[in-house]
Amino acid sequence: MLRITVRHPCVSPICGTIITNYEPWKNIFLKVIERSYGETEYYPIYIDQLREFVNGSTVMLETFNVQTIMWIAGLLGIDPILYHTRYAYLGRGGRAYPKHKVVKAVCEKFSAEEFNEPFVHPHYPQVSEPFEKDLSILDALLTIGPEDTHKLLKINL
Protein backbone atom coordinates (compact mmCIF):
# COMPACT_ATOMS: atom_id res chain seq x y z
CA MET A 1 0.00 0.00 0.00
CA LEU A 2 1.46 3.36 -1.06
CA ARG A 3 0.47 6.21 1.20
CA ILE A 4 1.16 9.92 1.32
CA THR A 5 0.57 11.65 4.62
CA VAL A 6 -1.67 14.72 4.40
CA ARG A 7 -2.81 17.32 6.90
CA HIS A 8 -5.86 16.40 8.95
CA PRO A 9 -8.69 16.86 9.04
CA CYS A 10 -8.70 16.30 5.32
CA VAL A 11 -12.13 17.69 4.45
CA SER A 12 -11.00 19.47 1.30
CA PRO A 13 -11.22 17.99 -2.17
CA ILE A 14 -7.87 16.90 -3.60
CA CYS A 15 -7.23 20.40 -4.98
CA GLY A 16 -7.06 21.70 -1.41
CA THR A 17 -5.23 18.79 0.23
CA ILE A 18 -1.80 19.62 1.64
CA ILE A 19 1.00 17.05 1.88
CA THR A 20 2.63 16.77 5.30
CA ASN A 21 6.29 16.89 4.27
CA TYR A 22 7.80 16.68 7.75
CA GLU A 23 6.64 13.14 8.48
CA PRO A 24 8.57 9.97 7.50
CA TRP A 25 6.10 8.90 4.80
CA LYS A 26 8.67 9.52 2.06
CA ASN A 27 11.12 6.92 3.37
CA ILE A 28 8.32 4.40 3.94
CA PHE A 29 6.91 5.05 0.43
CA LEU A 30 10.30 4.48 -1.21
CA LYS A 31 11.04 1.37 0.89
CA VAL A 32 7.71 -0.18 -0.12
CA ILE A 33 8.61 0.46 -3.78
CA GLU A 34 12.08 -1.04 -3.27
CA ARG A 35 10.77 -4.13 -1.44
CA SER A 36 8.11 -4.71 -4.07
CA TYR A 37 10.04 -3.93 -7.25
CA GLY A 38 13.75 -3.79 -6.36
CA GLU A 39 14.49 -6.99 -8.28
CA THR A 40 12.59 -6.02 -11.44
CA GLU A 41 14.31 -5.05 -14.67
CA TYR A 42 12.86 -1.53 -14.73
CA TYR A 43 13.31 -0.53 -11.07
CA PRO A 44 16.91 0.71 -11.50
CA ILE A 45 15.91 2.67 -14.60
CA TYR A 46 13.10 4.68 -12.94
CA ILE A 47 13.75 4.76 -9.20
CA ASP A 48 15.92 7.90 -9.26
CA GLN A 49 13.23 9.86 -11.10
CA LEU A 50 10.53 8.56 -8.77
CA ARG A 51 12.71 9.42 -5.77
CA GLU A 52 12.93 13.02 -7.07
CA PHE A 53 9.14 13.33 -7.03
CA VAL A 54 8.75 11.79 -3.60
CA ASN A 55 11.57 13.78 -2.01
CA GLY A 56 10.61 17.02 -3.75
CA SER A 57 9.14 20.01 -2.00
CA THR A 58 5.66 19.71 -3.54
CA VAL A 59 3.08 20.93 -1.04
CA MET A 60 -0.25 20.14 -2.71
CA LEU A 61 -1.40 16.56 -3.30
CA GLU A 62 -3.04 17.59 -6.56
CA THR A 63 0.28 18.95 -7.87
CA PHE A 64 2.08 15.76 -6.84
CA ASN A 65 -0.53 13.67 -8.67
CA VAL A 66 -0.39 15.77 -11.85
CA GLN A 67 3.43 15.77 -11.90
CA THR A 68 3.46 11.99 -11.48
CA ILE A 69 0.81 11.50 -14.19
CA MET A 70 2.73 13.71 -16.61
CA TRP A 71 6.02 11.91 -15.87
CA ILE A 72 4.48 8.48 -16.50
CA ALA A 73 2.62 9.74 -19.59
CA GLY A 74 5.93 11.02 -20.97
CA LEU A 75 7.58 7.64 -20.38
CA LEU A 76 4.69 5.95 -22.19
CA GLY A 77 4.78 8.38 -25.10
CA ILE A 78 1.34 9.77 -24.31
CA ASP A 79 0.42 13.45 -24.44
CA PRO A 80 -2.64 13.64 -22.17
CA ILE A 81 -5.14 16.47 -22.06
CA LEU A 82 -5.83 17.25 -18.42
CA TYR A 83 -8.90 19.14 -17.31
CA HIS A 84 -8.97 20.89 -13.97
CA THR A 85 -12.14 19.93 -12.15
CA ARG A 86 -11.65 22.13 -9.07
CA TYR A 87 -15.01 23.83 -9.46
CA ALA A 88 -16.91 20.62 -10.21
CA TYR A 89 -15.79 19.21 -6.86
CA LEU A 90 -16.99 22.09 -4.74
CA GLY A 91 -20.57 22.38 -3.66
CA ARG A 92 -22.18 24.83 -1.26
CA GLY A 93 -19.83 25.87 1.49
CA GLY A 94 -16.90 24.14 -0.22
CA ARG A 95 -18.23 20.66 0.57
CA ALA A 96 -17.32 17.91 -1.86
CA TYR A 97 -20.03 16.40 -4.04
CA PRO A 98 -20.51 12.64 -4.31
CA LYS A 99 -18.69 11.05 -7.28
CA HIS A 100 -21.78 10.73 -9.50
CA LYS A 101 -22.46 14.47 -9.19
CA VAL A 102 -18.82 15.29 -9.99
CA VAL A 103 -18.91 13.14 -13.12
CA LYS A 104 -22.20 14.72 -14.20
CA ALA A 105 -20.86 18.26 -13.62
CA VAL A 106 -17.65 17.57 -15.58
CA CYS A 107 -19.59 16.01 -18.46
CA GLU A 108 -21.97 18.99 -18.58
CA LYS A 109 -19.06 21.46 -18.54
CA PHE A 110 -17.37 19.78 -21.49
CA SER A 111 -20.57 18.76 -23.35
CA ALA A 112 -19.61 15.11 -23.04
CA GLU A 113 -21.55 11.97 -22.35
CA GLU A 114 -20.82 9.93 -19.25
CA PHE A 115 -18.62 6.95 -19.88
CA ASN A 116 -20.13 4.08 -17.94
CA GLU A 117 -18.45 1.15 -19.64
CA PRO A 118 -16.70 -0.97 -17.02
CA PHE A 119 -12.93 -1.07 -17.14
CA VAL A 120 -11.63 -4.53 -17.99
CA HIS A 121 -8.27 -4.85 -16.28
CA PRO A 122 -5.70 -6.39 -18.63
CA HIS A 123 -3.49 -9.14 -17.24
CA TYR A 124 0.28 -8.84 -17.44
CA PRO A 125 3.18 -10.56 -15.68
CA GLN A 126 3.48 -9.31 -12.10
CA VAL A 127 6.13 -9.85 -9.45
CA SER A 128 3.95 -12.31 -7.52
CA GLU A 129 0.91 -14.48 -8.12
CA PRO A 130 -2.08 -14.52 -8.13
CA PHE A 131 -2.69 -11.54 -10.41
CA GLU A 132 -3.66 -8.45 -8.44
CA LYS A 133 -5.83 -5.95 -10.33
CA ASP A 134 -6.37 -2.25 -9.56
CA LEU A 135 -2.75 -1.55 -8.67
CA SER A 136 -0.97 1.69 -9.49
CA ILE A 137 0.34 2.08 -13.02
CA LEU A 138 3.75 1.97 -11.33
CA ASP A 139 3.24 -1.79 -10.99
CA ALA A 140 3.09 -2.27 -14.75
CA LEU A 141 5.79 0.32 -15.46
CA LEU A 142 8.29 -1.26 -13.06
CA THR A 143 7.52 -4.87 -14.03
CA ILE A 144 6.93 -4.82 -17.79
CA GLY A 145 8.32 -1.41 -18.82
CA PRO A 146 6.89 1.56 -20.69
CA GLU A 147 6.30 -0.03 -24.11
CA ASP A 148 4.25 -2.95 -22.80
CA THR A 149 2.43 -0.68 -20.31
CA HIS A 150 1.46 1.58 -23.21
CA LYS A 151 0.13 -1.45 -25.09
CA LEU A 152 -2.01 -2.37 -22.06
CA LEU A 153 -3.55 1.09 -22.06
CA LYS A 154 -4.31 0.92 -25.78
CA ILE A 155 -6.31 -2.27 -25.21
CA ASN A 156 -8.79 -0.24 -23.13
CA LEU A 157 -9.09 2.83 -25.36
C-alpha atoms as a PDB file:
ATOM      1  CA  MET A   1       0.000   0.000   0.000  1.00  0.00           C
ATOM      2  CA  LEU A   2       1.462   3.356  -1.063  1.00  0.00           C
ATOM      3  CA  ARG A   3       0.466   6.215   1.202  1.00  0.00           C
ATOM      4  CA  ILE A   4       1.159   9.923   1.321  1.00  0.00           C
ATOM      5  CA  THR A   5       0.573  11.655   4.624  1.00  0.00           C
ATOM      6  CA  VAL A   6      -1.671  14.718   4.397  1.00  0.00           C
ATOM      7  CA  ARG A   7      -2.809  17.318   6.896  1.00  0.00           C
ATOM      8  CA  HIS A   8      -5.856  16.399   8.952  1.00  0.00           C
ATOM      9  CA  PRO A   9      -8.686  16.861   9.042  1.00  0.00           C
ATOM     10  CA  CYS A  10      -8.704  16.302   5.316  1.00  0.00           C
ATOM     11  CA  VAL A  11     -12.131  17.686   4.445  1.00  0.00           C
ATOM     12  CA  SER A  12     -10.999  19.470   1.298  1.00  0.00           C
ATOM     13  CA  PRO A  13     -11.221  17.992  -2.166  1.00  0.00           C
ATOM     14  CA  ILE A  14      -7.874  16.896  -3.596  1.00  0.00           C
ATOM     15  CA  CYS A  15      -7.232  20.398  -4.984  1.00  0.00           C
ATOM     16  CA  GLY A  16      -7.059  21.697  -1.410  1.00  0.00           C
ATOM     17  CA  THR A  17      -5.226  18.793   0.226  1.00  0.00           C
ATOM     18  CA  ILE A  18      -1.801  19.620   1.643  1.00  0.00           C
ATOM     19  CA  ILE A  19       0.998  17.048   1.885  1.00  0.00           C
ATOM     20  CA  THR A  20       2.633  16.766   5.301  1.00  0.00           C
ATOM     21  CA  ASN A  21       6.293  16.892   4.270  1.00  0.00           C
ATOM     22  CA  TYR A  22       7.795  16.684   7.749  1.00  0.00           C
ATOM     23  CA  GLU A  23       6.644  13.140   8.476  1.00  0.00           C
ATOM     24  CA  PRO A  24       8.572   9.972   7.496  1.00  0.00           C
ATOM     25  CA  TRP A  25       6.097   8.904   4.802  1.00  0.00           C
ATOM     26  CA  LYS A  26       8.672   9.524   2.057  1.00  0.00           C
ATOM     27  CA  ASN A  27      11.125   6.916   3.367  1.00  0.00           C
ATOM     28  CA  ILE A  28       8.324   4.404   3.936  1.00  0.00           C
ATOM     29  CA  PHE A  29       6.907   5.052   0.430  1.00  0.00           C
ATOM     30  CA  LEU A  30      10.301   4.475  -1.212  1.00  0.00           C
ATOM     31  CA  LYS A  31      11.042   1.371   0.894  1.00  0.00           C
ATOM     32  CA  VAL A  32       7.710  -0.180  -0.124  1.00  0.00           C
ATOM     33  CA  ILE A  33       8.606   0.461  -3.776  1.00  0.00           C
ATOM     34  CA  GLU A  34      12.078  -1.043  -3.272  1.00  0.00           C
ATOM     35  CA  ARG A  35      10.773  -4.133  -1.440  1.00  0.00           C
ATOM     36  CA  SER A  36       8.112  -4.710  -4.068  1.00  0.00           C
ATOM     37  CA  TYR A  37      10.042  -3.927  -7.247  1.00  0.00           C
ATOM     38  CA  GLY A  38      13.752  -3.786  -6.361  1.00  0.00           C
ATOM     39  CA  GLU A  39      14.487  -6.989  -8.279  1.00  0.00           C
ATOM     40  CA  THR A  40      12.588  -6.019 -11.436  1.00  0.00           C
ATOM     41  CA  GLU A  41      14.306  -5.045 -14.670  1.00  0.00           C
ATOM     42  CA  TYR A  42      12.863  -1.529 -14.733  1.00  0.00           C
ATOM     43  CA  TYR A  43      13.305  -0.525 -11.068  1.00  0.00           C
ATOM     44  CA  PRO A  44      16.914   0.710 -11.499  1.00  0.00           C
ATOM     45  CA  ILE A  45      15.910   2.672 -14.596  1.00  0.00           C
ATOM     46  CA  TYR A  46      13.104   4.681 -12.943  1.00  0.00           C
ATOM     47  CA  ILE A  47      13.748   4.762  -9.197  1.00  0.00           C
ATOM     48  CA  ASP A  48      15.921   7.902  -9.261  1.00  0.00           C
ATOM     49  CA  GLN A  49      13.230   9.864 -11.096  1.00  0.00           C
ATOM     50  CA  LEU A  50      10.528   8.565  -8.768  1.00  0.00           C
ATOM     51  CA  ARG A  51      12.710   9.416  -5.769  1.00  0.00           C
ATOM     52  CA  GLU A  52      12.932  13.018  -7.069  1.00  0.00           C
ATOM     53  CA  PHE A  53       9.136  13.334  -7.027  1.00  0.00           C
ATOM     54  CA  VAL A  54       8.746  11.789  -3.601  1.00  0.00           C
ATOM     55  CA  ASN A  55      11.574  13.780  -2.011  1.00  0.00           C
ATOM     56  CA  GLY A  56      10.611  17.020  -3.748  1.00  0.00           C
ATOM     57  CA  SER A  57       9.139  20.008  -2.003  1.00  0.00           C
ATOM     58  CA  THR A  58       5.663  19.705  -3.535  1.00  0.00           C
ATOM     59  CA  VAL A  59       3.075  20.929  -1.038  1.00  0.00           C
ATOM     60  CA  MET A  60      -0.251  20.143  -2.709  1.00  0.00           C
ATOM     61  CA  LEU A  61      -1.399  16.561  -3.295  1.00  0.00           C
ATOM     62  CA  GLU A  62      -3.045  17.589  -6.557  1.00  0.00           C
ATOM     63  CA  THR A  63       0.280  18.949  -7.867  1.00  0.00           C
ATOM     64  CA  PHE A  64       2.084  15.756  -6.842  1.00  0.00           C
ATOM     65  CA  ASN A  65      -0.534  13.669  -8.668  1.00  0.00           C
ATOM     66  CA  VAL A  66      -0.393  15.767 -11.846  1.00  0.00           C
ATOM     67  CA  GLN A  67       3.426  15.765 -11.898  1.00  0.00           C
ATOM     68  CA  THR A  68       3.459  11.994 -11.482  1.00  0.00           C
ATOM     69  CA  ILE A  69       0.814  11.497 -14.190  1.00  0.00           C
ATOM     70  CA  MET A  70       2.731  13.711 -16.614  1.00  0.00           C
ATOM     71  CA  TRP A  71       6.018  11.911 -15.870  1.00  0.00           C
ATOM     72  CA  ILE A  72       4.480   8.481 -16.499  1.00  0.00           C
ATOM     73  CA  ALA A  73       2.624   9.739 -19.588  1.00  0.00           C
ATOM     74  CA  GLY A  74       5.926  11.021 -20.973  1.00  0.00           C
ATOM     75  CA  LEU A  75       7.575   7.641 -20.376  1.00  0.00           C
ATOM     76  CA  LEU A  76       4.689   5.948 -22.190  1.00  0.00           C
ATOM     77  CA  GLY A  77       4.783   8.385 -25.100  1.00  0.00           C
ATOM     78  CA  ILE A  78       1.340   9.765 -24.310  1.00  0.00           C
ATOM     79  CA  ASP A  79       0.423  13.452 -24.441  1.00  0.00           C
ATOM     80  CA  PRO A  80      -2.642  13.645 -22.172  1.00  0.00           C
ATOM     81  CA  ILE A  81      -5.141  16.470 -22.064  1.00  0.00           C
ATOM     82  CA  LEU A  82      -5.827  17.245 -18.422  1.00  0.00           C
ATOM     83  CA  TYR A  83      -8.900  19.138 -17.308  1.00  0.00           C
ATOM     84  CA  HIS A  84      -8.971  20.893 -13.969  1.00  0.00           C
ATOM     85  CA  THR A  85     -12.136  19.933 -12.147  1.00  0.00           C
ATOM     86  CA  ARG A  86     -11.651  22.133  -9.075  1.00  0.00           C
ATOM     87  CA  TYR A  87     -15.012  23.826  -9.457  1.00  0.00           C
ATOM     88  CA  ALA A  88     -16.909  20.622 -10.211  1.00  0.00           C
ATOM     89  CA  TYR A  89     -15.786  19.208  -6.862  1.00  0.00           C
ATOM     90  CA  LEU A  90     -16.990  22.089  -4.743  1.00  0.00           C
ATOM     91  CA  GLY A  91     -20.569  22.381  -3.655  1.00  0.00           C
ATOM     92  CA  ARG A  92     -22.180  24.833  -1.259  1.00  0.00           C
ATOM     93  CA  GLY A  93     -19.830  25.875   1.490  1.00  0.00           C
ATOM     94  CA  GLY A  94     -16.901  24.143  -0.216  1.00  0.00           C
ATOM     95  CA  ARG A  95     -18.226  20.662   0.574  1.00  0.00           C
ATOM     96  CA  ALA A  96     -17.318  17.910  -1.856  1.00  0.00           C
ATOM     97  CA  TYR A  97     -20.027  16.399  -4.036  1.00  0.00           C
ATOM     98  CA  PRO A  98     -20.505  12.635  -4.311  1.00  0.00           C
ATOM     99  CA  LYS A  99     -18.691  11.048  -7.275  1.00  0.00           C
ATOM    100  CA  HIS A 100     -21.781  10.733  -9.500  1.00  0.00           C
ATOM    101  CA  LYS A 101     -22.458  14.466  -9.193  1.00  0.00           C
ATOM    102  CA  VAL A 102     -18.819  15.293  -9.990  1.00  0.00           C
ATOM    103  CA  VAL A 103     -18.910  13.143 -13.123  1.00  0.00           C
ATOM    104  CA  LYS A 104     -22.204  14.723 -14.201  1.00  0.00           C
ATOM    105  CA  ALA A 105     -20.859  18.260 -13.618  1.00  0.00           C
ATOM    106  CA  VAL A 106     -17.650  17.574 -15.581  1.00  0.00           C
ATOM    107  CA  CYS A 107     -19.591  16.009 -18.457  1.00  0.00           C
ATOM    108  CA  GLU A 108     -21.967  18.988 -18.581  1.00  0.00           C
ATOM    109  CA  LYS A 109     -19.063  21.464 -18.538  1.00  0.00           C
ATOM    110  CA  PHE A 110     -17.371  19.779 -21.489  1.00  0.00           C
ATOM    111  CA  SER A 111     -20.568  18.758 -23.346  1.00  0.00           C
ATOM    112  CA  ALA A 112     -19.605  15.106 -23.041  1.00  0.00           C
ATOM    113  CA  GLU A 113     -21.552  11.971 -22.352  1.00  0.00           C
ATOM    114  CA  GLU A 114     -20.823   9.926 -19.248  1.00  0.00           C
ATOM    115  CA  PHE A 115     -18.617   6.950 -19.882  1.00  0.00           C
ATOM    116  CA  ASN A 116     -20.132   4.078 -17.940  1.00  0.00           C
ATOM    117  CA  GLU A 117     -18.446   1.154 -19.642  1.00  0.00           C
ATOM    118  CA  PRO A 118     -16.696  -0.965 -17.024  1.00  0.00           C
ATOM    119  CA  PHE A 119     -12.927  -1.075 -17.141  1.00  0.00           C
ATOM    120  CA  VAL A 120     -11.627  -4.535 -17.988  1.00  0.00           C
ATOM    121  CA  HIS A 121      -8.273  -4.854 -16.283  1.00  0.00           C
ATOM    122  CA  PRO A 122      -5.697  -6.395 -18.631  1.00  0.00           C
ATOM    123  CA  HIS A 123      -3.490  -9.137 -17.239  1.00  0.00           C
ATOM    124  CA  TYR A 124       0.282  -8.836 -17.437  1.00  0.00           C
ATOM    125  CA  PRO A 125       3.183 -10.557 -15.680  1.00  0.00           C
ATOM    126  CA  GLN A 126       3.483  -9.306 -12.099  1.00  0.00           C
ATOM    127  CA  VAL A 127       6.134  -9.848  -9.451  1.00  0.00           C
ATOM    128  CA  SER A 128       3.952 -12.306  -7.518  1.00  0.00           C
ATOM    129  CA  GLU A 129       0.909 -14.481  -8.123  1.00  0.00           C
ATOM    130  CA  PRO A 130      -2.078 -14.520  -8.133  1.00  0.00           C
ATOM    131  CA  PHE A 131      -2.691 -11.541 -10.411  1.00  0.00           C
ATOM    132  CA  GLU A 132      -3.658  -8.447  -8.445  1.00  0.00           C
ATOM    133  CA  LYS A 133      -5.829  -5.951 -10.334  1.00  0.00           C
ATOM    134  CA  ASP A 134      -6.370  -2.253  -9.558  1.00  0.00           C
ATOM    135  CA  LEU A 135      -2.750  -1.549  -8.673  1.00  0.00           C
ATOM    136  CA  SER A 136      -0.967   1.690  -9.492  1.00  0.00           C
ATOM    137  CA  ILE A 137       0.344   2.084 -13.018  1.00  0.00           C
ATOM    138  CA  LEU A 138       3.753   1.967 -11.327  1.00  0.00           C
ATOM    139  CA  ASP A 139       3.238  -1.791 -10.991  1.00  0.00           C
ATOM    140  CA  ALA A 140       3.086  -2.273 -14.751  1.00  0.00           C
ATOM    141  CA  LEU A 141       5.787   0.322 -15.461  1.00  0.00           C
ATOM    142  CA  LEU A 142       8.285  -1.261 -13.062  1.00  0.00           C
ATOM    143  CA  THR A 143       7.523  -4.871 -14.025  1.00  0.00           C
ATOM    144  CA  ILE A 144       6.930  -4.823 -17.791  1.00  0.00           C
ATOM    145  CA  GLY A 145       8.317  -1.414 -18.822  1.00  0.00           C
ATOM    146  CA  PRO A 146       6.893   1.557 -20.694  1.00  0.00           C
ATOM    147  CA  GLU A 147       6.301  -0.031 -24.114  1.00  0.00           C
ATOM    148  CA  ASP A 148       4.249  -2.949 -22.799  1.00  0.00           C
ATOM    149  CA  THR A 149       2.435  -0.682 -20.306  1.00  0.00           C
ATOM    150  CA  HIS A 150       1.462   1.578 -23.209  1.00  0.00           C
ATOM    151  CA  LYS A 151       0.134  -1.452 -25.094  1.00  0.00           C
ATOM    152  CA  LEU A 152      -2.009  -2.375 -22.064  1.00  0.00           C
ATOM    153  CA  LEU A 153      -3.555   1.093 -22.061  1.00  0.00           C
ATOM    154  CA  LYS A 154      -4.314   0.917 -25.783  1.00  0.00           C
ATOM    155  CA  ILE A 155      -6.311  -2.272 -25.208  1.00  0.00           C
ATOM    156  CA  ASN A 156      -8.789  -0.243 -23.132  1.00  0.00           C
ATOM    157  CA  LEU A 157      -9.090   2.829 -25.355  1.00  0.00           C
END
